């Protein structure tokens, strides 16, 4: 009991220091009830923070404050409401990579081995998750190929799992996938009285998990309940920022990720269809009449669309777009082709130069077969259009926009489709989100 009281006192002091030195984090921390639970480190479901007393006792005061702030940011950014069907372990890693740079920017001292990767700077948890998943799939494919080449005799390549340099010279902890899966799915945050054998090993580089949101009864939250909780946390975060500003201690790098977490995902499919539809010649005609108004006794002309001309699809093959995004994009282009009836669809695969070209006829299913993998330059795809004397109805470029080599804006419509938050310097940009 003495150890438990000492742990609680340590947590109370840490929350007090947050209120005094980091009022944004301290104010939000008061919304979460601290409970001892059978968790490897800490975990939050948006209502409580469960902690492992042994883990808390092993932290320095500054590290404990950072760990509490870490859990607070999970809630403020709505990570407990946004996982969807994503893998819990990978979602936690992505969320950590999104949060930890913000904490460092606010002067926190993270526990040793905390996950930080500059290549994910300014990306949301969803964007980081998509890239981690892509890397994981690529690594699995590479390992399978290596195993096949060596005849399956156990001589496969080394594990390609992402590793991050430990801080302060301490090694990362080890864990099993099954244990981490348990740690990421406790909706009830089991009390500490549970058997010690139920406590899994910490996730490598993890020191504070985010669990899925629950309702008042501890059951998995419905989508409506998740939306309500996320809205409440958004309001609380805004109020905490105002309080911190009034104290003259405004948090750094907070408002942008908070704003982005509230943005609803773009319906990129609808935007893509609208873009192509806008390039399709149309006219009004009385036969047949507009079916939408017949029931009201109104006979109005309907819109008649004739087939669109040639469409050019440019695909960035520098390795920046994952297979899942490619599959979704190809499926959507095929569906739109059935409706728009283009004269032809030219698919141009380009990295620093045009690597290959495919052509599909009207209503023909589009199957993307990327070739390339070098650097990125957007100009060759537009040059290919000009060299081949094509006057496209539109050009759609699928890319992560990690390049500054843009052509002069052409006369035809251009749409940039990307999986990043970057914006092209001309034409319209929409963001594709992998399901």
Foldseek 3Di string as FASTA:
>chain_A
DVLVVVLVVLLVVLLVCCCVAPLLLSLLLVQAAEAAFLEQFWEDLLRYIHGHSVNSVPDDSLQSNLQSSLRSVCLLLLVLQPCPPPQLLLLQLLSQQAPVVLSVQQPGDHPWQADYDVVCPPFHSQLSSVVLVLQQVVQVVQQVVQCVVVVVPPPTDDRPHDGDDIPPPDAWWDFDPVQVSVNQEQLPRHHPPPDNVNYTHDHTNDNYGYHHHADPVSHHDDSVRSVVSNVVSLVSSVVSQVVCVVVVRHRPPPPVSSVVSPDDADPVLVVVLVVVVVLWDKDWDQVPFDPVCVVVVDGHTDIDTDAFEEEEEEEAQQVFDGPLLVVVVQQSVLVSLQVRQYQKYKYFYDAPATDDIDIDHRSGRDDDDHDDRNHHAPPRSVVVCVVVVHDHSEYEYEEQPPDDHDDDDDPHAYEYEHQGPDADPDHYYHYDRRD
